Amino acid sequence: MGLANPLDHMAGRQIDLDAIPSDIITQRNYNYLLEDEYIVPEGILLELEEVKQFEKAQDDIYSIFQTELEEMIRNEQFGFLDLPSKMIDLIIYSYQQNHQHVVGRFDFAGGIDGLPIKLLEYNADTPTMIPESSFVQDAFFKNIYKKPAQQYNSLEKDLEVFFNRLLISESKNHPSLIATSLGYAEDAAHAKFIMDIAAREGFDVEYSDLQHIIFSPGEGVYLEADSGEYVQADYLYKMIPWEFICFEEPELLDILHNLITNDLVYVMNPAYTLVYQSKLFLDHVSKKYDRPFFLHSSRYPKDFMGKKYVEKVSFGRLGENIKIFDESSKIIEETDGDFGHFDKVYQEFTDLYKDQFNEYYQLGLFNVKGIGSCMSFRRADKLIIDDDAEFIPHFIPQ
């Protein structure tokens, strides 16, 4: 007699957990995660085969993105992205110099209970949810969920390996790193999380909000130490989107162009991740490659007459500036935001997994150097998964 499927005969995949790992969150100084019931004592069960299919999709998509970017560089075909020329220079230079892609996050719909896996977008440059998806999810797994199970989560370990290998491969550089953000609590916490991992692997690290960093053309990136001396950093890890630098800080783009192309600073994530992050690129790729995980996409809403579809912006964050239209082109759900000035991209509507309580789940699948590393979920009682969603850990029963 074969073993029973652990998910058989269940009312649903949702599980109640006894507690949340608040002590571990507090010990690591990520108290902001405990606010607004973002971390809840619940989880979702996945089948191992479902996890394998998600991983296969991420591997195929990342390979396609690399192939297409290489072709764009070879043929100098960047016009449809509408980027400044110095940004295009940095994209080409960072890719040709093999600057490493530290971490990104694919957002997927479906993939559960027979729903097809569909790529919604790729947060390639400044992915959020890193601390909770790594150590918080791991704490749920090791300390709270008591049944035999696995978890698809090696994110913290993979990042440690990344910085260890970077230290070796870029031995010509001094291992000095500044982590930075615009000062928002979540972005600063993410930057510091990466900084702490780099420190474990031998980097000298500092954190500073962007306005306190000195970018000196022809010289490098500096911070003023308490002693009054200036400390140079050979590496910069930023939780500041490249599109913000492109369009909101053109003087900083000019300086970074000088510093990066003269090998005076190594910026992570590198400039070419801006291409991966653009939904204009996703629209371009989905038209060129016939793959089941790509949604039909267009620059024109008329291409979706009689169908449900979604309006997004080429560069957006946190579920902002999204509209969902029904078959009659009437808005059924929308969010405001700060990114409405970017180009519009339209995408066919696809179903998120919905539980028995009518709550929707969106999978985030992280990769380190393009290799699948971790998955976690956001959950909401509406179709647009935005900054009000809950974080949900996953478990794979044995």
Protein backbone atom coordinates (compact mmCIF):
# COMPACT_ATOMS: atom_id res chain seq x y z
CA MET A 1 0.00 0.00 0.00
CA GLY A 2 1.42 3.40 -0.97
CA LEU A 3 1.80 6.30 1.42
CA ALA A 4 -1.11 8.73 1.57
CA ASN A 5 -0.69 12.22 0.22
CA PRO A 6 -0.25 14.49 3.29
CA LEU A 7 -2.64 16.99 1.69
CA ASP A 8 -5.47 14.49 1.10
CA HIS A 9 -8.70 14.75 3.07
CA MET A 10 -7.96 18.29 4.24
CA ALA A 11 -10.53 21.06 4.36
CA GLY A 12 -7.86 23.31 2.90
CA ARG A 13 -4.17 24.03 2.78
CA GLN A 14 -4.28 26.72 5.43
CA ILE A 15 -2.96 25.80 8.87
CA ASP A 16 -3.22 27.54 12.20
CA LEU A 17 0.07 27.85 14.06
CA ASP A 18 0.46 28.16 17.82
CA ALA A 19 2.39 31.42 17.73
CA ILE A 20 4.66 33.67 15.72
CA PRO A 21 8.44 33.75 16.35
CA SER A 22 8.30 37.20 17.94
CA ASP A 23 11.29 36.56 20.24
CA ILE A 24 13.56 35.82 17.29
CA ILE A 25 12.24 38.82 15.36
CA THR A 26 12.92 41.06 18.37
CA GLN A 27 16.37 39.58 19.02
CA ARG A 28 17.40 40.42 15.48
CA ASN A 29 16.01 43.96 15.75
CA TYR A 30 13.28 43.66 13.13
CA ASN A 31 10.45 44.87 15.34
CA TYR A 32 8.75 46.64 12.44
CA LEU A 33 7.71 43.18 11.20
CA LEU A 34 5.51 42.81 14.29
CA GLU A 35 3.41 45.86 13.46
CA ASP A 36 -0.08 45.90 11.91
CA GLU A 37 -0.53 42.10 12.12
CA TYR A 38 1.74 41.63 9.11
CA ILE A 39 3.17 38.40 10.54
CA VAL A 40 0.26 36.14 11.53
CA PRO A 41 0.21 32.64 13.14
CA GLU A 42 -0.88 30.88 9.97
CA GLY A 43 0.77 28.99 7.13
CA ILE A 44 0.08 27.28 3.82
CA LEU A 45 0.91 23.71 2.76
CA LEU A 46 2.43 22.96 -0.64
CA GLU A 47 2.98 19.71 -2.46
CA LEU A 48 6.57 18.92 -3.40
CA GLU A 49 5.64 18.64 -7.08
CA GLU A 50 4.13 22.14 -6.98
CA VAL A 51 7.36 23.50 -5.54
CA LYS A 52 9.36 21.78 -8.28
CA GLN A 53 7.15 23.34 -10.96
CA PHE A 54 7.59 26.82 -9.49
CA GLU A 55 11.35 26.31 -9.43
CA LYS A 56 11.36 25.07 -13.02
CA ALA A 57 9.42 28.12 -14.15
CA GLN A 58 11.85 30.48 -12.38
CA ASP A 59 14.86 28.74 -13.94
CA ASP A 60 13.37 28.92 -17.44
CA ILE A 61 12.35 32.56 -17.09
CA TYR A 62 15.69 33.71 -15.73
CA SER A 63 17.49 31.94 -18.58
CA ILE A 64 15.20 33.64 -21.12
CA PHE A 65 15.80 37.04 -19.51
CA GLN A 66 19.57 36.54 -19.72
CA THR A 67 19.40 35.40 -23.35
CA GLU A 68 17.25 38.34 -24.37
CA LEU A 69 19.40 40.90 -22.53
CA GLU A 70 22.51 39.52 -24.23
CA GLU A 71 20.83 39.92 -27.61
CA MET A 72 19.69 43.46 -26.79
CA ILE A 73 23.26 44.37 -25.84
CA ARG A 74 24.69 42.75 -28.95
CA ASN A 75 22.25 44.57 -31.25
CA GLU A 76 22.02 47.77 -29.17
CA GLN A 77 18.22 47.49 -29.04
CA PHE A 78 17.23 49.49 -25.97
CA GLY A 79 14.97 52.11 -27.55
CA PHE A 80 11.67 50.62 -26.34
CA LEU A 81 12.76 50.97 -22.69
CA ASP A 82 13.04 54.79 -22.97
CA LEU A 83 16.11 55.09 -20.72
CA PRO A 84 18.82 57.77 -20.50
CA SER A 85 21.93 57.02 -22.57
CA LYS A 86 24.16 56.87 -19.48
CA MET A 87 21.85 54.29 -17.92
CA ILE A 88 22.14 52.18 -21.06
CA ASP A 89 25.94 52.51 -20.82
CA LEU A 90 25.79 51.21 -17.25
CA ILE A 91 23.51 48.33 -18.20
CA ILE A 92 25.92 47.22 -20.91
CA TYR A 93 29.04 47.75 -18.79
CA SER A 94 27.74 45.99 -15.69
CA TYR A 95 26.60 42.98 -17.71
CA GLN A 96 29.75 42.70 -19.81
CA GLN A 97 31.91 43.03 -16.69
CA ASN A 98 29.88 40.23 -15.07
CA HIS A 99 28.79 42.25 -12.07
CA GLN A 100 26.84 39.77 -10.03
CA HIS A 101 23.07 39.85 -9.56
CA VAL A 102 22.74 39.42 -5.80
CA VAL A 103 19.05 38.76 -5.24
CA GLY A 104 15.71 39.17 -7.02
CA ARG A 105 12.12 38.01 -6.54
CA PHE A 106 9.69 36.65 -9.11
CA ASP A 107 6.01 37.15 -8.27
CA PHE A 108 3.79 34.33 -9.50
CA ALA A 109 0.07 33.67 -9.65
CA GLY A 110 -1.43 30.18 -9.60
CA GLY A 111 0.61 27.00 -9.29
CA ILE A 112 -1.63 25.52 -6.57
CA ASP A 113 -4.54 23.08 -6.93
CA GLY A 114 -3.99 22.82 -10.67
CA LEU A 115 -3.98 26.55 -11.43
CA PRO A 116 -1.41 27.36 -14.14
CA ILE A 117 1.76 29.15 -13.04
CA LYS A 118 1.83 32.68 -14.43
CA LEU A 119 4.55 35.31 -14.04
CA LEU A 120 3.17 38.64 -12.79
CA GLU A 121 6.44 40.58 -12.58
CA TYR A 122 10.09 40.38 -11.58
CA ASN A 123 11.42 42.49 -8.71
CA ALA A 124 14.99 42.14 -9.93
CA ASP A 125 16.57 45.30 -8.53
CA THR A 126 15.18 46.07 -5.06
CA PRO A 127 13.17 43.05 -3.88
CA THR A 128 11.39 43.44 -0.55
CA MET A 129 10.36 40.72 1.96
CA ILE A 130 13.92 39.41 2.36
CA PRO A 131 14.21 39.29 6.20
CA GLU A 132 10.80 37.73 6.76
CA SER A 133 11.16 35.24 3.91
CA SER A 134 14.55 34.07 5.19
CA PHE A 135 14.96 34.01 8.95
CA VAL A 136 11.33 34.57 10.06
CA GLN A 137 10.02 31.84 7.80
CA ASP A 138 12.85 29.58 8.96
CA ALA A 139 11.91 30.28 12.60
CA PHE A 140 8.31 29.26 11.87
CA PHE A 141 9.64 26.03 10.37
CA LYS A 142 12.14 25.13 13.09
CA ASN A 143 10.39 26.40 16.22
CA ILE A 144 6.63 26.43 15.65
CA TYR A 145 5.52 23.96 12.95
CA LYS A 146 6.10 20.62 14.68
CA LYS A 147 5.13 18.12 11.99
CA PRO A 148 7.56 16.38 9.58
CA ALA A 149 8.05 18.76 6.67
CA GLN A 150 10.45 20.56 4.38
CA GLN A 151 10.70 24.20 3.41
CA TYR A 152 12.04 25.77 0.23
CA ASN A 153 14.24 28.30 1.94
CA SER A 154 18.01 28.59 1.79
CA LEU A 155 18.03 32.36 1.23
CA GLU A 156 20.24 33.44 4.12
CA LYS A 157 22.74 30.64 3.48
CA ASP A 158 22.81 31.37 -0.26
CA LEU A 159 23.50 35.04 0.41
CA GLU A 160 26.37 34.08 2.72
CA VAL A 161 27.85 31.94 -0.06
CA PHE A 162 27.36 34.79 -2.53
CA PHE A 163 29.37 37.29 -0.49
CA ASN A 164 32.04 34.72 0.32
CA ARG A 165 32.57 34.04 -3.39
CA LEU A 166 32.40 37.72 -4.28
CA LEU A 167 35.19 38.38 -1.80
CA ILE A 168 37.33 35.78 -3.56
CA SER A 169 36.46 36.63 -7.18
CA GLU A 170 36.92 40.40 -6.69
CA SER A 171 40.06 40.16 -4.56
CA LYS A 172 41.49 43.27 -6.26
CA ASN A 173 38.89 45.32 -4.36
CA HIS A 174 39.07 46.18 -0.70
CA PRO A 175 36.19 44.36 1.06
CA SER A 176 34.49 47.58 2.21
CA LEU A 177 30.75 47.91 1.74
CA ILE A 178 28.19 50.64 2.36
CA ALA A 179 24.54 49.59 2.49
CA THR A 180 22.08 52.37 1.80
CA SER A 181 18.44 53.30 1.31
CA LEU A 182 16.28 56.41 1.19
CA GLY A 183 15.57 55.94 4.88
CA TYR A 184 12.20 54.17 4.81
CA ALA A 185 12.13 51.71 7.72
CA GLU A 186 11.55 48.59 5.63
CA ASP A 187 14.15 49.45 2.98
CA ALA A 188 16.74 50.37 5.62
CA ALA A 189 16.09 47.07 7.41
CA HIS A 190 16.57 45.13 4.17
CA ALA A 191 19.82 46.96 3.42
CA LYS A 192 21.09 46.25 6.92
CA PHE A 193 20.13 42.58 6.59
CA ILE A 194 22.36 42.29 3.52
CA MET A 195 25.07 44.32 5.29
CA ASP A 196 25.08 41.93 8.25
CA ILE A 197 25.46 38.91 5.96
CA ALA A 198 28.37 40.57 4.13
CA ALA A 199 30.02 41.31 7.49
CA ARG A 200 29.89 37.62 8.45
CA GLU A 201 31.82 36.82 5.28
CA GLY A 202 34.64 39.31 5.93
CA PHE A 203 33.43 42.64 4.58
CA ASP A 204 33.93 45.89 6.47
CA VAL A 205 30.41 47.31 6.49
CA GLU A 206 28.56 50.52 7.25
CA TYR A 207 24.98 51.64 6.79
CA SER A 208 23.97 55.16 5.79
CA ASP A 209 20.92 56.82 4.29
CA LEU A 210 21.68 58.04 0.79
CA GLN A 211 21.90 61.75 1.64
CA HIS A 212 24.89 61.16 3.94
CA ILE A 213 27.02 59.32 1.37
CA ILE A 214 29.67 61.27 -0.51
CA PHE A 215 29.90 60.42 -4.23
CA SER A 216 33.12 61.94 -5.52
CA PRO A 217 33.59 61.84 -9.33
CA GLY A 218 36.90 60.32 -10.31
CA GLU A 219 37.62 59.20 -6.76
CA GLY A 220 34.95 56.96 -5.23
CA VAL A 221 32.23 56.56 -2.60
CA TYR A 222 32.88 57.77 0.94
CA LEU A 223 31.41 58.11 4.42
CA GLU A 224 32.63 60.46 7.10
CA ALA A 225 33.66 58.45 10.17
CA ASP A 226 33.13 59.62 13.76
CA SER A 227 36.82 60.51 13.82
CA GLY A 228 36.27 63.02 11.03
CA GLU A 229 38.21 60.93 8.53
CA TYR A 230 36.63 59.79 5.26
CA VAL A 231 36.27 56.05 4.70
CA GLN A 232 36.05 54.78 1.14
CA ALA A 233 33.83 51.84 0.14
CA ASP A 234 34.57 49.67 -2.88
CA TYR A 235 31.06 48.16 -2.78
CA LEU A 236 27.63 49.77 -2.54
CA TYR A 237 24.50 47.75 -1.78
CA LYS A 238 21.43 49.88 -2.43
CA MET A 239 17.75 49.54 -1.60
CA ILE A 240 17.20 52.46 -3.98
CA PRO A 241 15.64 51.57 -7.33
CA TRP A 242 17.68 52.28 -10.43
CA GLU A 243 14.65 53.97 -11.98
CA PHE A 244 14.65 56.48 -9.11
CA ILE A 245 18.30 57.24 -9.83
CA CYS A 246 17.57 57.47 -13.58
CA PHE A 247 14.62 59.80 -13.49
CA GLU A 248 14.70 61.54 -10.10
CA GLU A 249 18.45 61.93 -9.48
CA PRO A 250 20.14 62.51 -12.87
CA GLU A 251 23.19 64.10 -11.21
CA LEU A 252 23.71 60.93 -9.16
CA LEU A 253 23.35 58.88 -12.35
CA ASP A 254 26.11 60.96 -13.95
CA ILE A 255 28.43 60.41 -10.99
CA LEU A 256 27.69 56.67 -10.76
CA HIS A 257 28.32 56.38 -14.50
CA ASN A 258 31.78 57.85 -13.90
CA LEU A 259 32.52 55.72 -10.84
CA ILE A 260 31.22 52.38 -12.13
CA THR A 261 32.77 52.56 -15.60
CA ASN A 262 36.10 53.50 -14.03
CA ASP A 263 35.86 50.58 -11.57
CA LEU A 264 35.81 52.89 -8.57
CA VAL A 265 32.72 51.27 -7.04
CA TYR A 266 30.86 47.98 -7.50
CA VAL A 267 27.09 48.57 -7.16
CA MET A 268 24.62 45.86 -6.18
CA ASN A 269 22.18 45.08 -7.59
CA PRO A 270 23.93 45.97 -10.87
CA ALA A 271 22.48 48.32 -13.45
CA TYR A 272 21.30 45.62 -15.85
CA THR A 273 18.71 44.46 -13.30
CA LEU A 274 16.74 47.58 -14.24
CA VAL A 275 15.99 45.89 -17.58
CA TYR A 276 14.74 42.72 -15.88
CA GLN A 277 12.57 44.82 -13.57
CA SER A 278 10.88 46.80 -16.34
CA LYS A 279 7.43 45.61 -17.37
CA LEU A 280 8.20 46.99 -20.83
CA PHE A 281 10.90 44.31 -20.99
CA LEU A 282 8.42 41.71 -19.74
CA ASP A 283 5.99 42.79 -22.46
CA HIS A 284 8.81 42.47 -25.02
CA VAL A 285 9.88 39.03 -23.84
CA SER A 286 6.37 37.61 -23.54
CA LYS A 287 5.70 38.46 -27.20
CA LYS A 288 8.93 36.88 -28.37
CA TYR A 289 8.94 33.66 -26.34
CA ASP A 290 6.00 31.25 -26.43
CA ARG A 291 6.00 29.93 -22.89
CA PRO A 292 2.97 28.94 -20.79
CA PHE A 293 4.06 31.02 -17.80
CA PHE A 294 4.06 34.34 -19.72
CA LEU A 295 0.82 36.30 -19.69
CA HIS A 296 -0.38 37.95 -22.88
CA SER A 297 0.81 41.54 -22.66
CA SER A 298 0.39 44.74 -24.67
CA ARG A 299 0.96 48.49 -24.66
CA TYR A 300 -2.66 48.96 -25.76
CA PRO A 301 -5.82 48.13 -23.76
CA LYS A 302 -7.82 47.63 -26.98
CA ASP A 303 -6.00 44.31 -27.40
CA PHE A 304 -8.06 42.95 -24.51
CA MET A 305 -11.56 43.76 -25.76
CA GLY A 306 -14.06 41.38 -24.16
CA LYS A 307 -11.53 40.03 -21.67
CA LYS A 308 -10.48 40.80 -18.11
CA TYR A 309 -7.14 42.57 -17.99
CA VAL A 310 -4.80 44.52 -15.72
CA GLU A 311 -3.14 47.92 -16.14
CA LYS A 312 0.30 48.31 -14.58
CA VAL A 313 3.15 50.80 -14.86
CA SER A 314 6.57 50.00 -16.28
CA PHE A 315 8.19 50.63 -12.90
CA GLY A 316 6.07 50.23 -9.79
CA ARG A 317 6.35 48.95 -6.25
CA LEU A 318 4.17 47.75 -3.39
CA GLY A 319 1.13 46.98 -5.54
CA GLU A 320 0.62 50.66 -6.34
CA ASN A 321 -0.90 52.16 -9.52
CA ILE A 322 -2.67 48.98 -10.61
CA LYS A 323 -6.13 48.72 -12.17
CA ILE A 324 -8.11 45.54 -12.89
CA PHE A 325 -10.79 45.72 -15.60
CA ASP A 326 -13.65 43.34 -16.26
CA GLU A 327 -14.78 42.07 -19.68
CA SER A 328 -16.60 45.36 -20.29
CA SER A 329 -13.47 47.41 -19.53
CA LYS A 330 -14.94 48.62 -16.24
CA ILE A 331 -12.59 48.97 -13.28
CA ILE A 332 -13.32 46.34 -10.63
CA GLU A 333 -10.33 47.10 -8.40
CA GLU A 334 -7.56 49.72 -8.35
CA THR A 335 -4.83 51.20 -6.19
CA ASP A 336 -3.33 54.67 -6.09
CA GLY A 337 0.39 55.32 -5.78
CA ASP A 338 3.46 57.33 -6.60
CA PHE A 339 4.34 55.71 -9.93
CA GLY A 340 1.50 56.76 -12.22
CA HIS A 341 3.81 58.87 -14.39
CA PHE A 342 5.54 55.79 -15.81
CA ASP A 343 4.49 54.10 -19.07
CA LYS A 344 1.42 51.88 -18.91
CA VAL A 345 1.57 48.16 -19.67
CA TYR A 346 -1.47 45.90 -20.01
CA GLN A 347 -1.57 42.24 -19.04
CA GLU A 348 -4.23 39.58 -19.29
CA PHE A 349 -5.91 38.81 -15.98
CA THR A 350 -5.02 35.54 -14.30
CA ASP A 351 -6.34 33.85 -11.18
CA LEU A 352 -4.50 33.87 -7.90
CA TYR A 353 -4.98 30.85 -5.64
CA LYS A 354 -7.95 31.52 -3.34
CA ASP A 355 -8.54 29.63 -0.09
CA GLN A 356 -11.83 28.55 1.45
CA PHE A 357 -12.02 31.88 3.28
CA ASN A 358 -11.89 33.83 -0.01
CA GLU A 359 -8.37 35.14 0.61
CA TYR A 360 -5.89 35.40 -2.26
CA TYR A 361 -2.27 34.22 -2.28
CA GLN A 362 0.66 35.47 -4.37
CA LEU A 363 3.95 33.58 -4.39
CA GLY A 364 7.29 35.35 -4.18
CA LEU A 365 10.19 33.19 -5.39
CA PHE A 366 13.63 34.61 -4.59
CA ASN A 367 16.78 33.84 -6.53
CA VAL A 368 20.42 34.46 -5.68
CA LYS A 369 22.67 34.87 -8.74
CA GLY A 370 19.66 33.75 -10.76
CA ILE A 371 19.27 30.43 -8.90
CA GLY A 372 16.07 29.66 -6.99
CA SER A 373 16.58 30.11 -3.26
CA CYS A 374 13.38 30.71 -1.31
CA MET A 375 9.62 31.08 -1.62
CA SER A 376 7.02 32.76 0.57
CA PHE A 377 3.51 34.13 0.19
CA ARG A 378 1.59 37.33 0.62
CA ARG A 379 -2.13 37.06 1.34
CA ALA A 380 -4.98 39.56 1.05
CA ASP A 381 -8.77 39.62 0.86
CA LYS A 382 -8.62 41.44 -2.47
CA LEU A 383 -7.20 40.81 -5.92
CA ILE A 384 -4.39 43.38 -5.77
CA ILE A 385 -1.71 42.23 -3.35
CA ASP A 386 -0.34 45.48 -1.98
CA ASP A 387 1.48 46.78 1.08
CA ASP A 388 -1.45 45.83 3.35
CA ALA A 389 -1.07 42.10 2.65
CA GLU A 390 -0.10 39.53 5.30
CA PHE A 391 3.05 37.43 5.21
CA ILE A 392 2.38 33.67 5.07
CA PRO A 393 5.10 31.00 5.50
CA HIS A 394 4.89 27.71 3.60
CA PHE A 395 5.53 24.10 4.57
CA ILE A 396 5.95 20.96 2.46
CA PRO A 397 4.57 17.98 4.43
CA GLN A 398 6.51 14.73 4.31
